[in-house]
Amino acid sequence: MIDRPSTARPGAWVTAFLGIARRETLRFVNQRGRFLAALVRPLVWLFIFAAGFRAVLGLSITPPYQTYVLYEVYVTPGLVAMIQLFNGMQSSLSMVYDRETGAMRTLLVSPFPRWFLLGSKLVAGVIVSIIQVAAFLAIAWFWGIRPPAWGYVTVIPALILAGLMLGAMGLFLSSAIRQLENFAGVMNFVIFPMFFASSALYPLWRMRESSPLLYDICRFNPFTHAVELIRFALYMQVNWGALAVVLGCLAGFFGAAVFMYDPQKGLWARRKGGPA
């Protein structure tokens, strides 16, 4: 099959990716409240809730920790994953907005493959989330939460994979939502159950002691595995089980999003017979 002239040159792909990434970055820079909101949520948990729970929730030696840790040390990787979860959902919110304004149609009718366009937007969103995570970890460092120095390097691949998975999930959800007003409800319906029914705030063994059903829900929650992947990577270890689940969910969510955004095959083509 012969490529279209505009996509035949390798430089065209790079230009398209940089254009999408620049658009997402400018949107993030111009929305300063988004950056502050992304930090306020985890900082409230870190400074207020963690301080209150420290005396109530004692933590035994739980991998990857080699000794007893304070509650705020345990909860920090979960709050990092929460930043990426909210960012993935907000990035997908912009997809719904672009669809309403018509910008989505301009993007998807370009000669580039749909998977490349969606993937470029996904990668751009992950870059923004890593900037937010870096700011949060810097504040946590001054608060006394200091993982190994090399952990700040080894956690980067985990942040990329977890961000891609959560962003792909957001893309998939946005493909099934037609109106901007409906997305806020879906966000709350997805974000809070995923966050609270995970290992972000409590170890899984505590869940098993309190409720076997809740433990099973947490164990099969993709967000749990994103949290554990980040937690182990922050301490220079690899949780292979979490890595496998994150990679599998990334492939599944992204493949479903590409299918759903295809105007000839997706959900809205079956309902209305028109482009997304």
C-alpha atoms as a PDB file:
ATOM      1  CA  MET A   1       0.000   0.000   0.000  1.00  0.00           C
ATOM      2  CA  ILE A   2       1.387   3.442  -0.955  1.00  0.00           C
ATOM      3  CA  ASP A   3       1.409   6.090   1.764  1.00  0.00           C
ATOM      4  CA  ARG A   4      -0.248   9.382   1.120  1.00  0.00           C
ATOM      5  CA  PRO A   5       2.222  12.093   0.107  1.00  0.00           C
ATOM      6  CA  SER A   6       1.786  14.076   3.314  1.00  0.00           C
ATOM      7  CA  THR A   7       2.690  11.106   5.506  1.00  0.00           C
ATOM      8  CA  ALA A   8       5.374   9.522   3.341  1.00  0.00           C
ATOM      9  CA  ARG A   9       8.190  11.584   4.839  1.00  0.00           C
ATOM     10  CA  PRO A  10       9.336  10.542   8.346  1.00  0.00           C
ATOM     11  CA  GLY A  11       9.579  14.199   9.289  1.00  0.00           C
ATOM     12  CA  ALA A  12       5.842  14.582   8.772  1.00  0.00           C
ATOM     13  CA  TRP A  13       5.156  12.127  11.582  1.00  0.00           C
ATOM     14  CA  VAL A  14       7.482  14.007  13.928  1.00  0.00           C
ATOM     15  CA  THR A  15       5.893  17.320  12.982  1.00  0.00           C
ATOM     16  CA  ALA A  16       2.412  15.963  13.625  1.00  0.00           C
ATOM     17  CA  PHE A  17       3.407  14.564  17.010  1.00  0.00           C
ATOM     18  CA  LEU A  18       5.123  17.803  18.056  1.00  0.00           C
ATOM     19  CA  GLY A  19       2.065  19.765  16.972  1.00  0.00           C
ATOM     20  CA  ILE A  20      -0.256  17.659  19.104  1.00  0.00           C
ATOM     21  CA  ALA A  21       2.163  17.728  22.052  1.00  0.00           C
ATOM     22  CA  ARG A  22       2.542  21.510  21.752  1.00  0.00           C
ATOM     23  CA  ARG A  23      -1.220  21.956  21.753  1.00  0.00           C
ATOM     24  CA  GLU A  24      -1.607  19.868  24.893  1.00  0.00           C
ATOM     25  CA  THR A  25       1.288  21.661  26.605  1.00  0.00           C
ATOM     26  CA  LEU A  26      -0.098  25.107  25.788  1.00  0.00           C
ATOM     27  CA  ARG A  27      -3.498  24.050  27.055  1.00  0.00           C
ATOM     28  CA  PHE A  28      -1.890  22.920  30.304  1.00  0.00           C
ATOM     29  CA  VAL A  29       0.189  26.107  30.649  1.00  0.00           C
ATOM     30  CA  ASN A  30      -2.826  28.338  30.040  1.00  0.00           C
ATOM     31  CA  GLN A  31      -4.889  26.444  32.618  1.00  0.00           C
ATOM     32  CA  ARG A  32      -2.899  27.233  35.744  1.00  0.00           C
ATOM     33  CA  GLY A  33      -5.785  26.244  37.940  1.00  0.00           C
ATOM     34  CA  ARG A  34      -5.491  22.719  36.538  1.00  0.00           C
ATOM     35  CA  PHE A  35      -1.891  22.488  37.759  1.00  0.00           C
ATOM     36  CA  LEU A  36      -2.789  23.777  41.215  1.00  0.00           C
ATOM     37  CA  ALA A  37      -5.810  21.492  41.464  1.00  0.00           C
ATOM     38  CA  ALA A  38      -3.650  18.513  40.520  1.00  0.00           C
ATOM     39  CA  LEU A  39      -1.376  19.307  43.484  1.00  0.00           C
ATOM     40  CA  VAL A  40      -4.002  20.333  46.027  1.00  0.00           C
ATOM     41  CA  ARG A  41      -5.766  16.953  46.083  1.00  0.00           C
ATOM     42  CA  PRO A  42      -2.720  14.794  46.904  1.00  0.00           C
ATOM     43  CA  LEU A  43      -1.244  17.429  49.227  1.00  0.00           C
ATOM     44  CA  VAL A  44      -4.442  17.508  51.283  1.00  0.00           C
ATOM     45  CA  TRP A  45      -4.181  13.741  51.685  1.00  0.00           C
ATOM     46  CA  LEU A  46      -0.487  13.972  52.508  1.00  0.00           C
ATOM     47  CA  PHE A  47      -0.584  16.852  54.974  1.00  0.00           C
ATOM     48  CA  ILE A  48      -3.960  16.334  56.653  1.00  0.00           C
ATOM     49  CA  PHE A  49      -5.334  12.807  56.227  1.00  0.00           C
ATOM     50  CA  ALA A  50      -1.980  11.044  56.465  1.00  0.00           C
ATOM     51  CA  ALA A  51      -1.096  12.971  59.610  1.00  0.00           C
ATOM     52  CA  GLY A  52      -4.406  11.974  61.174  1.00  0.00           C
ATOM     53  CA  PHE A  53      -4.197   8.332  60.089  1.00  0.00           C
ATOM     54  CA  ARG A  54      -0.590   7.905  61.228  1.00  0.00           C
ATOM     55  CA  ALA A  55      -1.607   7.124  64.788  1.00  0.00           C
ATOM     56  CA  VAL A  56      -4.454   4.844  63.717  1.00  0.00           C
ATOM     57  CA  LEU A  57      -2.931   2.847  60.856  1.00  0.00           C
ATOM     58  CA  GLY A  58       0.244   1.098  61.825  1.00  0.00           C
ATOM     59  CA  LEU A  59       2.097  -0.486  58.914  1.00  0.00           C
ATOM     60  CA  SER A  60       4.121  -3.648  59.248  1.00  0.00           C
ATOM     61  CA  ILE A  61       7.013  -4.480  56.947  1.00  0.00           C
ATOM     62  CA  THR A  62       5.332  -4.555  53.563  1.00  0.00           C
ATOM     63  CA  PRO A  63       7.261  -4.979  50.291  1.00  0.00           C
ATOM     64  CA  PRO A  64       9.016  -3.038  48.875  1.00  0.00           C
ATOM     65  CA  TYR A  65       9.744  -1.452  52.257  1.00  0.00           C
ATOM     66  CA  GLN A  66      12.511  -3.089  54.263  1.00  0.00           C
ATOM     67  CA  THR A  67      11.385  -1.710  57.606  1.00  0.00           C
ATOM     68  CA  TYR A  68       8.402  -0.111  59.287  1.00  0.00           C
ATOM     69  CA  VAL A  69       7.282   3.045  57.510  1.00  0.00           C
ATOM     70  CA  LEU A  70       5.073   5.957  58.413  1.00  0.00           C
ATOM     71  CA  TYR A  71       1.669   6.124  56.799  1.00  0.00           C
ATOM     72  CA  GLU A  72       2.579   9.160  54.704  1.00  0.00           C
ATOM     73  CA  VAL A  73       5.503   7.245  53.219  1.00  0.00           C
ATOM     74  CA  TYR A  74       3.206   4.391  52.255  1.00  0.00           C
ATOM     75  CA  VAL A  75       0.503   6.607  50.778  1.00  0.00           C
ATOM     76  CA  THR A  76       2.810   8.760  48.618  1.00  0.00           C
ATOM     77  CA  PRO A  77       2.977   6.348  45.611  1.00  0.00           C
ATOM     78  CA  GLY A  78      -0.800   6.081  45.697  1.00  0.00           C
ATOM     79  CA  LEU A  79      -1.098   9.867  45.588  1.00  0.00           C
ATOM     80  CA  VAL A  80       1.323   9.960  42.663  1.00  0.00           C
ATOM     81  CA  ALA A  81      -0.930   7.514  40.820  1.00  0.00           C
ATOM     82  CA  MET A  82      -3.935   9.644  41.767  1.00  0.00           C
ATOM     83  CA  ILE A  83      -2.336  12.623  40.015  1.00  0.00           C
ATOM     84  CA  GLN A  84      -1.951  10.536  36.881  1.00  0.00           C
ATOM     85  CA  LEU A  85      -5.502   9.211  37.157  1.00  0.00           C
ATOM     86  CA  PHE A  86      -7.011  12.698  37.395  1.00  0.00           C
ATOM     87  CA  ASN A  87      -4.758  13.984  34.627  1.00  0.00           C
ATOM     88  CA  GLY A  88      -5.737  11.103  32.349  1.00  0.00           C
ATOM     89  CA  MET A  89      -9.391  11.854  32.911  1.00  0.00           C
ATOM     90  CA  GLN A  90      -8.963  15.594  32.409  1.00  0.00           C
ATOM     91  CA  SER A  91      -7.021  15.009  29.218  1.00  0.00           C
ATOM     92  CA  SER A  92      -9.900  12.864  27.996  1.00  0.00           C
ATOM     93  CA  LEU A  93     -12.307  15.617  28.999  1.00  0.00           C
ATOM     94  CA  SER A  94     -10.598  17.798  26.406  1.00  0.00           C
ATOM     95  CA  MET A  95     -11.440  15.150  23.788  1.00  0.00           C
ATOM     96  CA  VAL A  96     -15.130  15.569  24.559  1.00  0.00           C
ATOM     97  CA  TYR A  97     -14.744  19.346  24.381  1.00  0.00           C
ATOM     98  CA  ASP A  98     -12.896  19.113  21.061  1.00  0.00           C
ATOM     99  CA  ARG A  99     -15.677  16.929  19.692  1.00  0.00           C
ATOM    100  CA  GLU A 100     -18.297  19.503  20.656  1.00  0.00           C
ATOM    101  CA  THR A 101     -16.334  22.394  19.110  1.00  0.00           C
ATOM    102  CA  GLY A 102     -15.476  20.493  15.936  1.00  0.00           C
ATOM    103  CA  ALA A 103     -11.718  20.412  16.555  1.00  0.00           C
ATOM    104  CA  MET A 104     -11.847  16.637  16.912  1.00  0.00           C
ATOM    105  CA  ARG A 105     -13.110  16.199  13.371  1.00  0.00           C
ATOM    106  CA  THR A 106     -10.238  18.316  12.030  1.00  0.00           C
ATOM    107  CA  LEU A 107      -7.759  16.091  13.841  1.00  0.00           C
ATOM    108  CA  LEU A 108      -9.242  12.746  12.880  1.00  0.00           C
ATOM    109  CA  VAL A 109      -9.654  13.521   9.184  1.00  0.00           C
ATOM    110  CA  SER A 110      -5.916  14.101   8.781  1.00  0.00           C
ATOM    111  CA  PRO A 111      -4.048  11.545   6.640  1.00  0.00           C
ATOM    112  CA  PHE A 112      -2.280  10.085   9.673  1.00  0.00           C
ATOM    113  CA  PRO A 113      -3.529   6.786  11.161  1.00  0.00           C
ATOM    114  CA  ARG A 114      -6.039   7.092  13.953  1.00  0.00           C
ATOM    115  CA  TRP A 115      -3.862   5.101  16.348  1.00  0.00           C
ATOM    116  CA  PHE A 116      -1.005   7.558  15.796  1.00  0.00           C
ATOM    117  CA  LEU A 117      -3.161  10.616  16.483  1.00  0.00           C
ATOM    118  CA  LEU A 118      -4.691   9.158  19.628  1.00  0.00           C
ATOM    119  CA  GLY A 119      -1.334   7.808  20.750  1.00  0.00           C
ATOM    120  CA  SER A 120       0.310  11.206  20.274  1.00  0.00           C
ATOM    121  CA  LYS A 121      -2.351  12.855  22.404  1.00  0.00           C
ATOM    122  CA  LEU A 122      -1.932  10.115  24.980  1.00  0.00           C
ATOM    123  CA  VAL A 123       1.847  10.573  25.166  1.00  0.00           C
ATOM    124  CA  ALA A 124       1.460  14.357  25.412  1.00  0.00           C
ATOM    125  CA  GLY A 125      -0.905  13.901  28.356  1.00  0.00           C
ATOM    126  CA  VAL A 126       1.583  11.615  30.100  1.00  0.00           C
ATOM    127  CA  ILE A 127       4.322  14.235  29.730  1.00  0.00           C
ATOM    128  CA  VAL A 128       2.074  16.763  31.447  1.00  0.00           C
ATOM    129  CA  SER A 129       1.266  14.307  34.258  1.00  0.00           C
ATOM    130  CA  ILE A 130       4.957  13.601  34.897  1.00  0.00           C
ATOM    131  CA  ILE A 131       5.558  17.342  35.322  1.00  0.00           C
ATOM    132  CA  GLN A 132       2.804  17.400  37.940  1.00  0.00           C
ATOM    133  CA  VAL A 133       4.208  14.316  39.669  1.00  0.00           C
ATOM    134  CA  ALA A 134       7.699  15.859  39.787  1.00  0.00           C
ATOM    135  CA  ALA A 135       6.308  18.950  41.521  1.00  0.00           C
ATOM    136  CA  PHE A 136       4.433  16.785  44.048  1.00  0.00           C
ATOM    137  CA  LEU A 137       7.470  14.616  44.820  1.00  0.00           C
ATOM    138  CA  ALA A 138       9.576  17.746  45.326  1.00  0.00           C
ATOM    139  CA  ILE A 139       7.094  19.055  47.899  1.00  0.00           C
ATOM    140  CA  ALA A 140       6.937  15.611  49.547  1.00  0.00           C
ATOM    141  CA  TRP A 141      10.749  15.596  49.777  1.00  0.00           C
ATOM    142  CA  PHE A 142      10.662  18.808  51.824  1.00  0.00           C
ATOM    143  CA  TRP A 143       7.952  17.183  53.953  1.00  0.00           C
ATOM    144  CA  GLY A 144      10.432  14.439  54.839  1.00  0.00           C
ATOM    145  CA  ILE A 145       9.342  11.707  52.426  1.00  0.00           C
ATOM    146  CA  ARG A 146      12.624  10.785  50.786  1.00  0.00           C
ATOM    147  CA  PRO A 147      12.899   7.526  48.844  1.00  0.00           C
ATOM    148  CA  PRO A 148      16.339   6.488  47.518  1.00  0.00           C
ATOM    149  CA  ALA A 149      17.850   9.100  45.203  1.00  0.00           C
ATOM    150  CA  TRP A 150      17.994   6.659  42.302  1.00  0.00           C
ATOM    151  CA  GLY A 151      14.319   5.918  42.902  1.00  0.00           C
ATOM    152  CA  TYR A 152      13.454   9.230  41.281  1.00  0.00           C
ATOM    153  CA  VAL A 153      15.077   7.875  38.112  1.00  0.00           C
ATOM    154  CA  THR A 154      13.812   4.289  38.202  1.00  0.00           C
ATOM    155  CA  VAL A 155      10.241   5.479  38.773  1.00  0.00           C
ATOM    156  CA  ILE A 156      10.115   7.316  35.430  1.00  0.00           C
ATOM    157  CA  PRO A 157       9.388   4.191  33.296  1.00  0.00           C
ATOM    158  CA  ALA A 158       6.688   3.192  35.778  1.00  0.00           C
ATOM    159  CA  LEU A 159       5.149   6.662  35.573  1.00  0.00           C
ATOM    160  CA  ILE A 160       5.141   6.478  31.787  1.00  0.00           C
ATOM    161  CA  LEU A 161       3.450   3.073  31.689  1.00  0.00           C
ATOM    162  CA  ALA A 162       0.945   3.876  34.434  1.00  0.00           C
ATOM    163  CA  GLY A 163       0.145   7.230  32.824  1.00  0.00           C
ATOM    164  CA  LEU A 164      -0.364   5.615  29.429  1.00  0.00           C
ATOM    165  CA  MET A 165      -2.688   2.984  30.878  1.00  0.00           C
ATOM    166  CA  LEU A 166      -4.800   5.479  32.836  1.00  0.00           C
ATOM    167  CA  GLY A 167      -4.862   7.894  29.914  1.00  0.00           C
ATOM    168  CA  ALA A 168      -5.914   5.117  27.527  1.00  0.00           C
ATOM    169  CA  MET A 169      -8.727   4.233  29.904  1.00  0.00           C
ATOM    170  CA  GLY A 170      -9.823   7.870  29.844  1.00  0.00           C
ATOM    171  CA  LEU A 171      -9.704   7.901  26.045  1.00  0.00           C
ATOM    172  CA  PHE A 172     -11.906   4.838  25.929  1.00  0.00           C
ATOM    173  CA  LEU A 173     -14.431   6.412  28.304  1.00  0.00           C
ATOM    174  CA  SER A 174     -14.460   9.689  26.384  1.00  0.00           C
ATOM    175  CA  SER A 175     -15.264   7.848  23.167  1.00  0.00           C
ATOM    176  CA  ALA A 176     -18.627   6.785  24.595  1.00  0.00           C
ATOM    177  CA  ILE A 177     -19.638  10.230  25.887  1.00  0.00           C
ATOM    178  CA  ARG A 178     -21.291  12.754  23.599  1.00  0.00           C
ATOM    179  CA  GLN A 179     -21.877  15.718  25.907  1.00  0.00           C
ATOM    180  CA  LEU A 180     -19.413  17.554  28.107  1.00  0.00           C
ATOM    181  CA  GLU A 181     -21.883  17.744  30.983  1.00  0.00           C
ATOM    182  CA  ASN A 182     -22.085  13.961  31.233  1.00  0.00           C
ATOM    183  CA  PHE A 183     -18.342  13.482  31.527  1.00  0.00           C
ATOM    184  CA  ALA A 184     -18.088  15.000  35.018  1.00  0.00           C
ATOM    185  CA  GLY A 185     -20.464  12.393  36.393  1.00  0.00           C
ATOM    186  CA  VAL A 186     -18.592   9.596  34.670  1.00  0.00           C
ATOM    187  CA  MET A 187     -15.306  10.913  36.058  1.00  0.00           C
ATOM    188  CA  ASN A 188     -16.624  10.788  39.615  1.00  0.00           C
ATOM    189  CA  PHE A 189     -18.174   7.379  39.016  1.00  0.00           C
ATOM    190  CA  VAL A 190     -14.824   6.005  37.790  1.00  0.00           C
ATOM    191  CA  ILE A 191     -12.157   7.953  39.673  1.00  0.00           C
ATOM    192  CA  PHE A 192     -13.306   7.652  43.262  1.00  0.00           C
ATOM    193  CA  PRO A 193     -14.212   3.939  43.253  1.00  0.00           C
ATOM    194  CA  MET A 194     -10.920   3.133  41.498  1.00  0.00           C
ATOM    195  CA  PHE A 195      -8.933   5.225  43.966  1.00  0.00           C
ATOM    196  CA  PHE A 196     -10.545   4.064  47.199  1.00  0.00           C
ATOM    197  CA  ALA A 197     -10.890   0.399  46.142  1.00  0.00           C
ATOM    198  CA  SER A 198      -7.157   0.016  45.593  1.00  0.00           C
ATOM    199  CA  SER A 199      -3.904  -0.274  47.487  1.00  0.00           C
ATOM    200  CA  ALA A 200      -3.315   3.487  47.232  1.00  0.00           C
ATOM    201  CA  LEU A 201      -4.416   4.183  50.799  1.00  0.00           C
ATOM    202  CA  TYR A 202      -4.232   0.795  52.532  1.00  0.00           C
ATOM    203  CA  PRO A 203      -2.234  -2.407  52.009  1.00  0.00           C
ATOM    204  CA  LEU A 204      -4.155  -5.254  50.426  1.00  0.00           C
ATOM    205  CA  TRP A 205      -3.624  -7.463  53.454  1.00  0.00           C
ATOM    206  CA  ARG A 206      -5.650  -5.009  55.527  1.00  0.00           C
ATOM    207  CA  MET A 207      -8.426  -5.223  52.953  1.00  0.00           C
ATOM    208  CA  ARG A 208      -8.374  -9.012  53.186  1.00  0.00           C
ATOM    209  CA  GLU A 209      -8.696  -8.861  56.978  1.00  0.00           C
ATOM    210  CA  SER A 210     -11.715  -6.554  56.819  1.00  0.00           C
ATOM    211  CA  SER A 211     -13.579  -7.905  53.782  1.00  0.00           C
ATOM    212  CA  PRO A 212     -12.602 -10.728  51.395  1.00  0.00           C
ATOM    213  CA  LEU A 213     -14.963  -9.300  48.763  1.00  0.00           C
ATOM    214  CA  LEU A 214     -13.368  -5.860  48.960  1.00  0.00           C
ATOM    215  CA  TYR A 215      -9.954  -7.500  48.779  1.00  0.00           C
ATOM    216  CA  ASP A 216     -10.894  -9.251  45.525  1.00  0.00           C
ATOM    217  CA  ILE A 217     -12.230  -5.987  44.085  1.00  0.00           C
ATOM    218  CA  CYS A 218      -8.996  -4.203  44.973  1.00  0.00           C
ATOM    219  CA  ARG A 219      -6.889  -7.043  43.592  1.00  0.00           C
ATOM    220  CA  PHE A 220      -8.604  -6.911  40.198  1.00  0.00           C
ATOM    221  CA  ASN A 221      -8.621  -3.117  40.055  1.00  0.00           C
ATOM    222  CA  PRO A 222      -6.157  -1.952  37.335  1.00  0.00           C
ATOM    223  CA  PHE A 223      -5.400   1.142  39.400  1.00  0.00           C
ATOM    224  CA  THR A 224      -4.043  -1.065  42.191  1.00  0.00           C
ATOM    225  CA  HIS A 225      -1.431  -2.467  39.844  1.00  0.00           C
ATOM    226  CA  ALA A 226      -0.519   1.008  38.604  1.00  0.00           C
ATOM    227  CA  VAL A 227       0.032   2.056  42.227  1.00  0.00           C
ATOM    228  CA  GLU A 228       2.154  -0.995  43.020  1.00  0.00           C
ATOM    229  CA  LEU A 229       4.222  -0.565  39.854  1.00  0.00           C
ATOM    230  CA  ILE A 230       5.038   3.006  40.932  1.00  0.00           C
ATOM    231  CA  ARG A 231       5.594   2.015  44.568  1.00  0.00           C
ATOM    232  CA  PHE A 232       8.143  -0.676  43.746  1.00  0.00           C
ATOM    233  CA  ALA A 233       9.863   1.434  41.081  1.00  0.00           C
ATOM    234  CA  LEU A 234      10.261   4.310  43.532  1.00  0.00           C
ATOM    235  CA  TYR A 235      12.343   1.928  45.652  1.00  0.00           C
ATOM    236  CA  MET A 236      14.303   0.545  42.679  1.00  0.00           C
ATOM    237  CA  GLN A 237      12.381  -2.720  42.392  1.00  0.00           C
ATOM    238  CA  VAL A 238      10.092  -4.257  39.791  1.00  0.00           C
ATOM    239  CA  ASN A 239       6.713  -5.742  40.579  1.00  0.00           C
ATOM    240  CA  TRP A 240       6.432  -8.103  37.623  1.00  0.00           C
ATOM    241  CA  GLY A 241       2.825  -8.991  38.239  1.00  0.00           C
ATOM    242  CA  ALA A 242       1.798  -5.325  38.301  1.00  0.00           C
ATOM    243  CA  LEU A 243       3.880  -4.668  35.186  1.00  0.00           C
ATOM    244  CA  ALA A 244       2.109  -7.437  33.272  1.00  0.00           C
ATOM    245  CA  VAL A 245      -1.339  -6.190  34.288  1.00  0.00           C
ATOM    246  CA  VAL A 246      -0.512  -2.560  33.404  1.00  0.00           C
ATOM    247  CA  LEU A 247       0.819  -3.567  29.974  1.00  0.00           C
ATOM    248  CA  GLY A 248      -2.201  -5.769  29.315  1.00  0.00           C
ATOM    249  CA  CYS A 249      -4.686  -3.086  30.379  1.00  0.00           C
ATOM    250  CA  LEU A 250      -2.807  -0.476  28.321  1.00  0.00           C
ATOM    251  CA  ALA A 251      -3.103  -2.604  25.186  1.00  0.00           C
ATOM    252  CA  GLY A 252      -6.770  -3.379  25.872  1.00  0.00           C
ATOM    253  CA  PHE A 253      -7.877   0.186  26.669  1.00  0.00           C
ATOM    254  CA  PHE A 254      -5.918   1.764  23.809  1.00  0.00           C
ATOM    255  CA  GLY A 255      -7.136  -0.803  21.292  1.00  0.00           C
ATOM    256  CA  ALA A 256     -10.713  -0.234  22.431  1.00  0.00           C
ATOM    257  CA  ALA A 257     -10.276   3.559  22.189  1.00  0.00           C
ATOM    258  CA  VAL A 258      -8.914   3.325  18.632  1.00  0.00           C
ATOM    259  CA  PHE A 259     -11.854   1.122  17.661  1.00  0.00           C
ATOM    260  CA  MET A 260     -14.413   3.409  19.289  1.00  0.00           C
ATOM    261  CA  TYR A 261     -13.010   6.521  17.630  1.00  0.00           C
ATOM    262  CA  ASP A 262     -13.318   4.916  14.218  1.00  0.00           C
ATOM    263  CA  PRO A 263     -16.428   6.560  12.697  1.00  0.00           C
ATOM    264  CA  GLN A 264     -17.134   3.450  10.614  1.00  0.00           C
ATOM    265  CA  LYS A 265     -16.813   0.903  13.408  1.00  0.00           C
ATOM    266  CA  GLY A 266     -17.231   2.643  16.728  1.00  0.00           C
ATOM    267  CA  LEU A 267     -20.193   2.927  19.041  1.00  0.00           C
ATOM    268  CA  TRP A 268     -21.528   6.150  17.560  1.00  0.00           C
ATOM    269  CA  ALA A 269     -21.348   4.813  14.019  1.00  0.00           C
ATOM    270  CA  ARG A 270     -23.701   2.055  15.060  1.00  0.00           C
ATOM    271  CA  ARG A 271     -26.022   4.498  16.795  1.00  0.00           C
ATOM    272  CA  LYS A 272     -26.094   7.421  14.416  1.00  0.00           C
ATOM    273  CA  GLY A 273     -24.109   6.362  11.385  1.00  0.00           C
ATOM    274  CA  GLY A 274     -21.992   9.533  11.530  1.00  0.00           C
ATOM    275  CA  PRO A 275     -18.415  10.458  12.346  1.00  0.00           C
ATOM    276  CA  ALA A 276     -17.197  10.775  15.885  1.00  0.00           C
END
